[in-house]
Amino acid sequence: MINLVTSSIFSFSKDISVDNQDAILSPRKLANGYIFAVADGVGSYEGAREAANLTISYLETLSINEHFDIGNIFEGINKEIRNLPLINSSFHKAATTLTFCFINDDGIWIGHIGDCRLYIQKENKLKQITKDHTRHQQLIDEKIFTAKELKGQPGKNILTTAISPSIPTDYASIFIPREEFSIDDNYIKIFIMSDGAHHFWEKRPRFSDNTLRNPVRFASSLQKRIEKATPIDDYSLVAASFKIS
């Protein structure tokens, strides 16, 4: 049986003078499991905030019968996003990224598009499960450049796909069966971050063991790190610990 033990969230704009274009879904019960998510509106287009919020609202009202189908979920979200230009014609290029997770006794389902990241704690580290849909990652996958060669080069945050009325949705679907869980004393800990948060985590991907083991401490420590360094983008985190019995 999977039970939510503790979770912690935050979502802030990079500057109090501008709207936060991230949107989050804290862990909520869905059928025999739990779902949670982070969406990051693509800020260069009007309607980004609305696209992110609409995406999370869709997940909030989601219901499933027998099977969790990531493809159907993205199809449903796409239908909602395609209606945005009907609300406001300037939203015709509105776009958002999305990373969501559903966990139950059978395993973990991850739907992902864009550059938010999902991590699972393994021992005293966080293992990145998703892969960014960015130009840099594309160049790495095509073996044109290595990650080391691209470090510090421009274009890191250029997305190759997103949820939008104007471009095809090329999402990733990941399933991790129960027997492959990274379990620590009967607990599994999952973290989803927008790029404004994981940018600062990746610069120094470590905390004390006590902080890593507790999503509340982790969230507090990461928030402090980001704000001390000055945010470069809106920054969001959903962290959750589940007991496996």
C-alpha atoms as a PDB file:
ATOM      1  CA  MET A   1       0.000   0.000   0.000  1.00  0.00           C
ATOM      2  CA  ILE A   2       1.169   3.543  -0.830  1.00  0.00           C
ATOM      3  CA  ASN A   3       0.481   6.298   1.706  1.00  0.00           C
ATOM      4  CA  LEU A   4       1.470   9.948   1.565  1.00  0.00           C
ATOM      5  CA  VAL A   5       3.489  10.746   4.682  1.00  0.00           C
ATOM      6  CA  THR A   6       4.632  14.325   4.140  1.00  0.00           C
ATOM      7  CA  SER A   7       4.924  16.889   1.383  1.00  0.00           C
ATOM      8  CA  SER A   8       6.132  20.425   0.945  1.00  0.00           C
ATOM      9  CA  ILE A   9       5.614  22.946  -1.834  1.00  0.00           C
ATOM     10  CA  PHE A  10       6.560  26.428  -2.876  1.00  0.00           C
ATOM     11  CA  SER A  11       5.980  28.536  -5.983  1.00  0.00           C
ATOM     12  CA  PHE A  12       7.190  32.117  -6.316  1.00  0.00           C
ATOM     13  CA  SER A  13       7.779  34.642  -9.066  1.00  0.00           C
ATOM     14  CA  LYS A  14      11.364  35.727  -9.592  1.00  0.00           C
ATOM     15  CA  ASP A  15      10.308  39.282  -8.736  1.00  0.00           C
ATOM     16  CA  ILE A  16       7.345  40.475  -6.669  1.00  0.00           C
ATOM     17  CA  SER A  17       6.561  43.048  -9.364  1.00  0.00           C
ATOM     18  CA  VAL A  18       5.652  40.383 -11.963  1.00  0.00           C
ATOM     19  CA  ASP A  19       3.168  37.521 -12.065  1.00  0.00           C
ATOM     20  CA  ASN A  20       4.278  34.002 -11.279  1.00  0.00           C
ATOM     21  CA  GLN A  21       3.931  31.955 -14.475  1.00  0.00           C
ATOM     22  CA  ASP A  22       4.543  28.644 -12.715  1.00  0.00           C
ATOM     23  CA  ALA A  23       1.609  26.598 -11.429  1.00  0.00           C
ATOM     24  CA  ILE A  24       1.734  23.599  -9.112  1.00  0.00           C
ATOM     25  CA  LEU A  25      -0.439  20.718  -7.965  1.00  0.00           C
ATOM     26  CA  SER A  26       0.312  19.467  -4.469  1.00  0.00           C
ATOM     27  CA  PRO A  27      -0.117  15.709  -3.928  1.00  0.00           C
ATOM     28  CA  ARG A  28      -3.781  14.766  -3.979  1.00  0.00           C
ATOM     29  CA  LYS A  29      -5.579  11.462  -3.802  1.00  0.00           C
ATOM     30  CA  LEU A  30      -6.569  10.042  -7.184  1.00  0.00           C
ATOM     31  CA  ALA A  31      -8.244   6.626  -7.323  1.00  0.00           C
ATOM     32  CA  ASN A  32      -5.815   4.259  -5.549  1.00  0.00           C
ATOM     33  CA  GLY A  33      -2.828   6.617  -5.711  1.00  0.00           C
ATOM     34  CA  TYR A  34      -1.614  10.200  -5.652  1.00  0.00           C
ATOM     35  CA  ILE A  35      -0.950  12.759  -8.374  1.00  0.00           C
ATOM     36  CA  PHE A  36       1.158  15.954  -8.260  1.00  0.00           C
ATOM     37  CA  ALA A  37       2.697  18.285 -10.837  1.00  0.00           C
ATOM     38  CA  VAL A  38       4.584  21.430 -11.825  1.00  0.00           C
ATOM     39  CA  ALA A  39       3.795  23.503 -14.941  1.00  0.00           C
ATOM     40  CA  ASP A  40       5.923  26.406 -16.148  1.00  0.00           C
ATOM     41  CA  GLY A  41       4.298  28.899 -18.522  1.00  0.00           C
ATOM     42  CA  VAL A  42       6.630  29.864 -21.362  1.00  0.00           C
ATOM     43  CA  GLY A  43       7.177  33.507 -20.533  1.00  0.00           C
ATOM     44  CA  SER A  44       7.976  34.865 -23.977  1.00  0.00           C
ATOM     45  CA  TYR A  45       4.362  34.514 -25.130  1.00  0.00           C
ATOM     46  CA  GLU A  46       1.126  36.081 -23.908  1.00  0.00           C
ATOM     47  CA  GLY A  47      -1.114  33.671 -22.056  1.00  0.00           C
ATOM     48  CA  ALA A  48       1.738  31.677 -20.505  1.00  0.00           C
ATOM     49  CA  ARG A  49       0.342  32.044 -17.004  1.00  0.00           C
ATOM     50  CA  GLU A  50      -3.129  31.082 -18.192  1.00  0.00           C
ATOM     51  CA  ALA A  51      -1.767  28.016 -20.003  1.00  0.00           C
ATOM     52  CA  ALA A  52       0.061  26.790 -16.885  1.00  0.00           C
ATOM     53  CA  ASN A  53      -2.955  27.383 -14.635  1.00  0.00           C
ATOM     54  CA  LEU A  54      -5.334  25.708 -17.086  1.00  0.00           C
ATOM     55  CA  THR A  55      -3.051  22.674 -17.269  1.00  0.00           C
ATOM     56  CA  ILE A  56      -2.966  22.271 -13.490  1.00  0.00           C
ATOM     57  CA  SER A  57      -6.732  22.839 -13.242  1.00  0.00           C
ATOM     58  CA  TYR A  58      -7.232  19.952 -15.666  1.00  0.00           C
ATOM     59  CA  LEU A  59      -5.150  17.650 -13.472  1.00  0.00           C
ATOM     60  CA  GLU A  60      -7.016  18.813 -10.351  1.00  0.00           C
ATOM     61  CA  THR A  61     -10.322  17.611 -11.807  1.00  0.00           C
ATOM     62  CA  LEU A  62      -8.918  14.435 -13.356  1.00  0.00           C
ATOM     63  CA  SER A  63     -10.655  11.155 -12.657  1.00  0.00           C
ATOM     64  CA  ILE A  64      -9.634   7.662 -13.743  1.00  0.00           C
ATOM     65  CA  ASN A  65     -11.378   4.314 -13.766  1.00  0.00           C
ATOM     66  CA  GLU A  66      -8.997   1.397 -14.214  1.00  0.00           C
ATOM     67  CA  HIS A  67      -5.917   2.592 -16.093  1.00  0.00           C
ATOM     68  CA  PHE A  68      -3.751   5.691 -15.836  1.00  0.00           C
ATOM     69  CA  ASP A  69      -3.216   6.779 -19.449  1.00  0.00           C
ATOM     70  CA  ILE A  70      -0.627   9.522 -19.946  1.00  0.00           C
ATOM     71  CA  GLY A  71      -1.487   9.908 -23.633  1.00  0.00           C
ATOM     72  CA  ASN A  72      -5.158  10.556 -22.857  1.00  0.00           C
ATOM     73  CA  ILE A  73      -4.176  13.127 -20.253  1.00  0.00           C
ATOM     74  CA  PHE A  74      -2.017  15.098 -22.666  1.00  0.00           C
ATOM     75  CA  GLU A  75      -4.761  14.876 -25.279  1.00  0.00           C
ATOM     76  CA  GLY A  76      -7.276  16.302 -22.806  1.00  0.00           C
ATOM     77  CA  ILE A  77      -4.930  19.113 -21.785  1.00  0.00           C
ATOM     78  CA  ASN A  78      -4.264  19.930 -25.443  1.00  0.00           C
ATOM     79  CA  LYS A  79      -7.975  20.333 -26.079  1.00  0.00           C
ATOM     80  CA  GLU A  80      -8.187  22.830 -23.217  1.00  0.00           C
ATOM     81  CA  ILE A  81      -5.115  24.758 -24.356  1.00  0.00           C
ATOM     82  CA  ARG A  82      -6.408  24.988 -27.937  1.00  0.00           C
ATOM     83  CA  ASN A  83      -9.408  26.884 -26.573  1.00  0.00           C
ATOM     84  CA  LEU A  84      -7.235  29.655 -25.107  1.00  0.00           C
ATOM     85  CA  PRO A  85      -7.227  31.788 -28.300  1.00  0.00           C
ATOM     86  CA  LEU A  86     -11.037  31.746 -28.145  1.00  0.00           C
ATOM     87  CA  ILE A  87     -10.807  33.450 -24.758  1.00  0.00           C
ATOM     88  CA  ASN A  88      -8.224  35.987 -25.940  1.00  0.00           C
ATOM     89  CA  SER A  89      -6.902  36.126 -29.501  1.00  0.00           C
ATOM     90  CA  SER A  90      -3.467  37.226 -28.229  1.00  0.00           C
ATOM     91  CA  PHE A  91      -3.093  33.799 -26.559  1.00  0.00           C
ATOM     92  CA  HIS A  92      -2.616  31.967 -29.879  1.00  0.00           C
ATOM     93  CA  LYS A  93       1.033  31.229 -28.998  1.00  0.00           C
ATOM     94  CA  ALA A  94       0.490  30.599 -25.282  1.00  0.00           C
ATOM     95  CA  ALA A  95       2.578  27.663 -24.104  1.00  0.00           C
ATOM     96  CA  THR A  96       3.501  25.781 -20.960  1.00  0.00           C
ATOM     97  CA  THR A  97       5.746  22.955 -19.872  1.00  0.00           C
ATOM     98  CA  LEU A  98       4.425  20.227 -17.587  1.00  0.00           C
ATOM     99  CA  THR A  99       5.832  17.433 -15.470  1.00  0.00           C
ATOM    100  CA  PHE A 100       3.398  15.294 -13.481  1.00  0.00           C
ATOM    101  CA  CYS A 101       3.638  12.125 -11.438  1.00  0.00           C
ATOM    102  CA  PHE A 102       1.087   9.503 -10.446  1.00  0.00           C
ATOM    103  CA  ILE A 103       2.102   6.871  -7.901  1.00  0.00           C
ATOM    104  CA  ASN A 104       0.157   3.847  -6.712  1.00  0.00           C
ATOM    105  CA  ASP A 105       0.813   0.239  -5.640  1.00  0.00           C
ATOM    106  CA  ASP A 106       1.693  -0.774  -9.204  1.00  0.00           C
ATOM    107  CA  GLY A 107       4.318   1.853  -9.905  1.00  0.00           C
ATOM    108  CA  ILE A 108       5.066   5.430 -10.891  1.00  0.00           C
ATOM    109  CA  TRP A 109       3.759   7.077 -14.066  1.00  0.00           C
ATOM    110  CA  ILE A 110       5.498  10.261 -15.228  1.00  0.00           C
ATOM    111  CA  GLY A 111       4.237  12.576 -17.963  1.00  0.00           C
ATOM    112  CA  HIS A 112       6.768  15.164 -19.083  1.00  0.00           C
ATOM    113  CA  ILE A 113       7.155  17.916 -21.635  1.00  0.00           C
ATOM    114  CA  GLY A 114       9.608  20.814 -21.403  1.00  0.00           C
ATOM    115  CA  ASP A 115      12.303  21.546 -18.847  1.00  0.00           C
ATOM    116  CA  CYS A 116      10.842  20.992 -15.408  1.00  0.00           C
ATOM    117  CA  ARG A 117      12.559  18.016 -13.775  1.00  0.00           C
ATOM    118  CA  LEU A 118      11.487  15.056 -11.680  1.00  0.00           C
ATOM    119  CA  TYR A 119      13.954  13.476  -9.271  1.00  0.00           C
ATOM    120  CA  ILE A 120      13.741  10.414  -7.035  1.00  0.00           C
ATOM    121  CA  GLN A 121      15.957  10.148  -3.983  1.00  0.00           C
ATOM    122  CA  LYS A 122      18.430   7.292  -4.153  1.00  0.00           C
ATOM    123  CA  GLU A 123      20.510   6.928  -0.987  1.00  0.00           C
ATOM    124  CA  ASN A 124      21.947  10.407  -0.329  1.00  0.00           C
ATOM    125  CA  LYS A 125      21.442  11.774  -3.840  1.00  0.00           C
ATOM    126  CA  LEU A 126      18.624  12.838  -6.124  1.00  0.00           C
ATOM    127  CA  LYS A 127      18.459  10.885  -9.370  1.00  0.00           C
ATOM    128  CA  GLN A 128      17.059  12.866 -12.304  1.00  0.00           C
ATOM    129  CA  ILE A 129      14.411  10.786 -14.068  1.00  0.00           C
ATOM    130  CA  THR A 130      13.177  13.160 -16.776  1.00  0.00           C
ATOM    131  CA  LYS A 131      15.188  14.591 -19.636  1.00  0.00           C
ATOM    132  CA  ASP A 132      14.902  18.253 -20.668  1.00  0.00           C
ATOM    133  CA  HIS A 133      13.265  19.059 -23.996  1.00  0.00           C
ATOM    134  CA  THR A 134      15.766  21.802 -24.777  1.00  0.00           C
ATOM    135  CA  ARG A 135      18.128  22.651 -27.621  1.00  0.00           C
ATOM    136  CA  HIS A 136      21.140  21.862 -25.429  1.00  0.00           C
ATOM    137  CA  GLN A 137      19.805  18.410 -24.540  1.00  0.00           C
ATOM    138  CA  GLN A 138      19.007  17.769 -28.192  1.00  0.00           C
ATOM    139  CA  LEU A 139      22.605  18.559 -29.164  1.00  0.00           C
ATOM    140  CA  ILE A 140      23.844  16.224 -26.419  1.00  0.00           C
ATOM    141  CA  ASP A 141      21.501  13.408 -27.515  1.00  0.00           C
ATOM    142  CA  GLU A 142      22.645  13.796 -31.119  1.00  0.00           C
ATOM    143  CA  LYS A 143      26.267  13.598 -29.868  1.00  0.00           C
ATOM    144  CA  ILE A 144      27.127  16.905 -31.515  1.00  0.00           C
ATOM    145  CA  PHE A 145      28.395  18.329 -28.220  1.00  0.00           C
ATOM    146  CA  THR A 146      28.946  16.994 -24.722  1.00  0.00           C
ATOM    147  CA  ALA A 147      27.308  18.517 -21.656  1.00  0.00           C
ATOM    148  CA  LYS A 148      30.734  19.798 -20.600  1.00  0.00           C
ATOM    149  CA  GLU A 149      31.267  21.513 -23.960  1.00  0.00           C
ATOM    150  CA  LEU A 150      27.874  23.222 -23.756  1.00  0.00           C
ATOM    151  CA  LYS A 151      28.276  24.401 -20.180  1.00  0.00           C
ATOM    152  CA  GLY A 152      28.039  28.182 -20.093  1.00  0.00           C
ATOM    153  CA  GLN A 153      26.996  28.414 -23.742  1.00  0.00           C
ATOM    154  CA  PRO A 154      23.828  30.338 -24.744  1.00  0.00           C
ATOM    155  CA  GLY A 155      20.623  28.523 -25.636  1.00  0.00           C
ATOM    156  CA  LYS A 156      20.392  26.378 -22.537  1.00  0.00           C
ATOM    157  CA  ASN A 157      16.725  27.232 -21.956  1.00  0.00           C
ATOM    158  CA  ILE A 158      15.495  27.128 -25.568  1.00  0.00           C
ATOM    159  CA  LEU A 159      12.639  24.608 -25.574  1.00  0.00           C
ATOM    160  CA  THR A 160      12.134  22.164 -28.429  1.00  0.00           C
ATOM    161  CA  THR A 161       8.515  21.384 -27.495  1.00  0.00           C
ATOM    162  CA  ALA A 162       5.750  22.475 -25.098  1.00  0.00           C
ATOM    163  CA  ILE A 163       1.976  22.347 -24.720  1.00  0.00           C
ATOM    164  CA  SER A 164       0.665  25.015 -27.071  1.00  0.00           C
ATOM    165  CA  PRO A 165      -2.132  25.643 -29.608  1.00  0.00           C
ATOM    166  CA  SER A 166       0.512  26.392 -32.252  1.00  0.00           C
ATOM    167  CA  ILE A 167       3.043  23.522 -32.059  1.00  0.00           C
ATOM    168  CA  PRO A 168       2.918  19.694 -31.918  1.00  0.00           C
ATOM    169  CA  THR A 169       3.030  18.194 -28.417  1.00  0.00           C
ATOM    170  CA  ASP A 170       5.976  15.810 -28.183  1.00  0.00           C
ATOM    171  CA  TYR A 171       5.779  14.478 -24.630  1.00  0.00           C
ATOM    172  CA  ALA A 172       7.690  11.790 -22.757  1.00  0.00           C
ATOM    173  CA  SER A 173       5.908   8.944 -20.968  1.00  0.00           C
ATOM    174  CA  ILE A 174       7.771   7.041 -18.253  1.00  0.00           C
ATOM    175  CA  PHE A 175       6.697   4.106 -16.104  1.00  0.00           C
ATOM    176  CA  ILE A 176       8.680   2.737 -13.165  1.00  0.00           C
ATOM    177  CA  PRO A 177       7.264  -0.555 -11.832  1.00  0.00           C
ATOM    178  CA  ARG A 178       6.947  -1.092  -8.093  1.00  0.00           C
ATOM    179  CA  GLU A 179       9.829  -3.584  -7.970  1.00  0.00           C
ATOM    180  CA  GLU A 180      12.218  -0.932  -9.309  1.00  0.00           C
ATOM    181  CA  PHE A 181      11.430   1.725  -6.688  1.00  0.00           C
ATOM    182  CA  SER A 182      14.362   3.338  -4.889  1.00  0.00           C
ATOM    183  CA  ILE A 183      13.157   2.638  -1.354  1.00  0.00           C
ATOM    184  CA  ASP A 184      14.816   4.040   1.781  1.00  0.00           C
ATOM    185  CA  ASP A 185      13.501   2.392   4.963  1.00  0.00           C
ATOM    186  CA  ASN A 186      10.139   1.739   3.262  1.00  0.00           C
ATOM    187  CA  TYR A 187       9.897   5.312   1.985  1.00  0.00           C
ATOM    188  CA  ILE A 188      10.156   6.759  -1.510  1.00  0.00           C
ATOM    189  CA  LYS A 189      10.790  10.478  -1.985  1.00  0.00           C
ATOM    190  CA  ILE A 190       9.944  12.315  -5.203  1.00  0.00           C
ATOM    191  CA  PHE A 191      10.755  15.909  -6.169  1.00  0.00           C
ATOM    192  CA  ILE A 192       9.466  17.980  -9.106  1.00  0.00           C
ATOM    193  CA  MET A 193      11.119  21.352  -9.794  1.00  0.00           C
ATOM    194  CA  SER A 194      10.650  24.073 -12.377  1.00  0.00           C
ATOM    195  CA  ASP A 195      13.812  25.257 -14.106  1.00  0.00           C
ATOM    196  CA  GLY A 196      14.024  28.279 -11.820  1.00  0.00           C
ATOM    197  CA  ALA A 197      14.440  25.859  -8.903  1.00  0.00           C
ATOM    198  CA  HIS A 198      16.542  23.047 -10.359  1.00  0.00           C
ATOM    199  CA  HIS A 199      19.009  25.601 -11.760  1.00  0.00           C
ATOM    200  CA  PHE A 200      20.120  26.288  -8.183  1.00  0.00           C
ATOM    201  CA  TRP A 201      19.912  22.658  -7.091  1.00  0.00           C
ATOM    202  CA  GLU A 202      22.177  21.519  -9.932  1.00  0.00           C
ATOM    203  CA  LYS A 203      24.781  24.170  -9.155  1.00  0.00           C
ATOM    204  CA  ARG A 204      25.372  22.372  -5.850  1.00  0.00           C
ATOM    205  CA  PRO A 205      23.316  19.152  -5.747  1.00  0.00           C
ATOM    206  CA  ARG A 206      23.701  18.261  -2.125  1.00  0.00           C
ATOM    207  CA  PHE A 207      22.185  18.788   1.306  1.00  0.00           C
ATOM    208  CA  SER A 208      22.762  16.952   4.574  1.00  0.00           C
ATOM    209  CA  ASP A 209      21.268  13.459   4.873  1.00  0.00           C
ATOM    210  CA  ASN A 210      18.702  14.737   7.369  1.00  0.00           C
ATOM    211  CA  THR A 211      17.582  17.450   4.937  1.00  0.00           C
ATOM    212  CA  LEU A 212      17.355  15.035   2.003  1.00  0.00           C
ATOM    213  CA  ARG A 213      15.258  12.599   4.019  1.00  0.00           C
ATOM    214  CA  ASN A 214      12.634  15.220   4.883  1.00  0.00           C
ATOM    215  CA  PRO A 215      10.741  17.035   2.074  1.00  0.00           C
ATOM    216  CA  VAL A 216       9.842  19.882   4.436  1.00  0.00           C
ATOM    217  CA  ARG A 217      13.482  20.529   5.338  1.00  0.00           C
ATOM    218  CA  PHE A 218      14.505  20.100   1.708  1.00  0.00           C
ATOM    219  CA  ALA A 219      11.975  22.661   0.478  1.00  0.00           C
ATOM    220  CA  SER A 220      12.952  25.174   3.141  1.00  0.00           C
ATOM    221  CA  SER A 221      16.665  24.785   2.423  1.00  0.00           C
ATOM    222  CA  LEU A 222      16.259  25.028  -1.351  1.00  0.00           C
ATOM    223  CA  GLN A 223      14.036  28.104  -1.075  1.00  0.00           C
ATOM    224  CA  LYS A 224      16.606  29.811   1.131  1.00  0.00           C
ATOM    225  CA  ARG A 225      19.399  28.924  -1.303  1.00  0.00           C
ATOM    226  CA  ILE A 226      17.510  30.384  -4.263  1.00  0.00           C
ATOM    227  CA  GLU A 227      16.520  33.599  -2.518  1.00  0.00           C
ATOM    228  CA  LYS A 228      19.981  34.140  -1.110  1.00  0.00           C
ATOM    229  CA  ALA A 229      21.475  33.856  -4.598  1.00  0.00           C
ATOM    230  CA  THR A 230      18.712  35.965  -6.275  1.00  0.00           C
ATOM    231  CA  PRO A 231      16.173  34.080  -8.437  1.00  0.00           C
ATOM    232  CA  ILE A 232      16.746  33.975 -12.201  1.00  0.00           C
ATOM    233  CA  ASP A 233      13.214  32.777 -13.023  1.00  0.00           C
ATOM    234  CA  ASP A 234       9.975  31.808 -11.305  1.00  0.00           C
ATOM    235  CA  TYR A 235      10.803  28.911  -9.000  1.00  0.00           C
ATOM    236  CA  SER A 236       8.609  26.042  -7.855  1.00  0.00           C
ATOM    237  CA  LEU A 237       8.955  22.741  -6.048  1.00  0.00           C
ATOM    238  CA  VAL A 238       6.623  19.905  -5.105  1.00  0.00           C
ATOM    239  CA  ALA A 239       8.317  17.359  -2.846  1.00  0.00           C
ATOM    240  CA  ALA A 240       6.621  14.305  -1.370  1.00  0.00           C
ATOM    241  CA  SER A 241       7.475  11.274   0.733  1.00  0.00           C
ATOM    242  CA  PHE A 242       5.408   8.078   0.486  1.00  0.00           C
ATOM    243  CA  LYS A 243       5.457   5.055   2.756  1.00  0.00           C
ATOM    244  CA  ILE A 244       5.519   1.674   1.044  1.00  0.00           C
ATOM    245  CA  SER A 245       3.881  -1.135   3.019  1.00  0.00           C
END
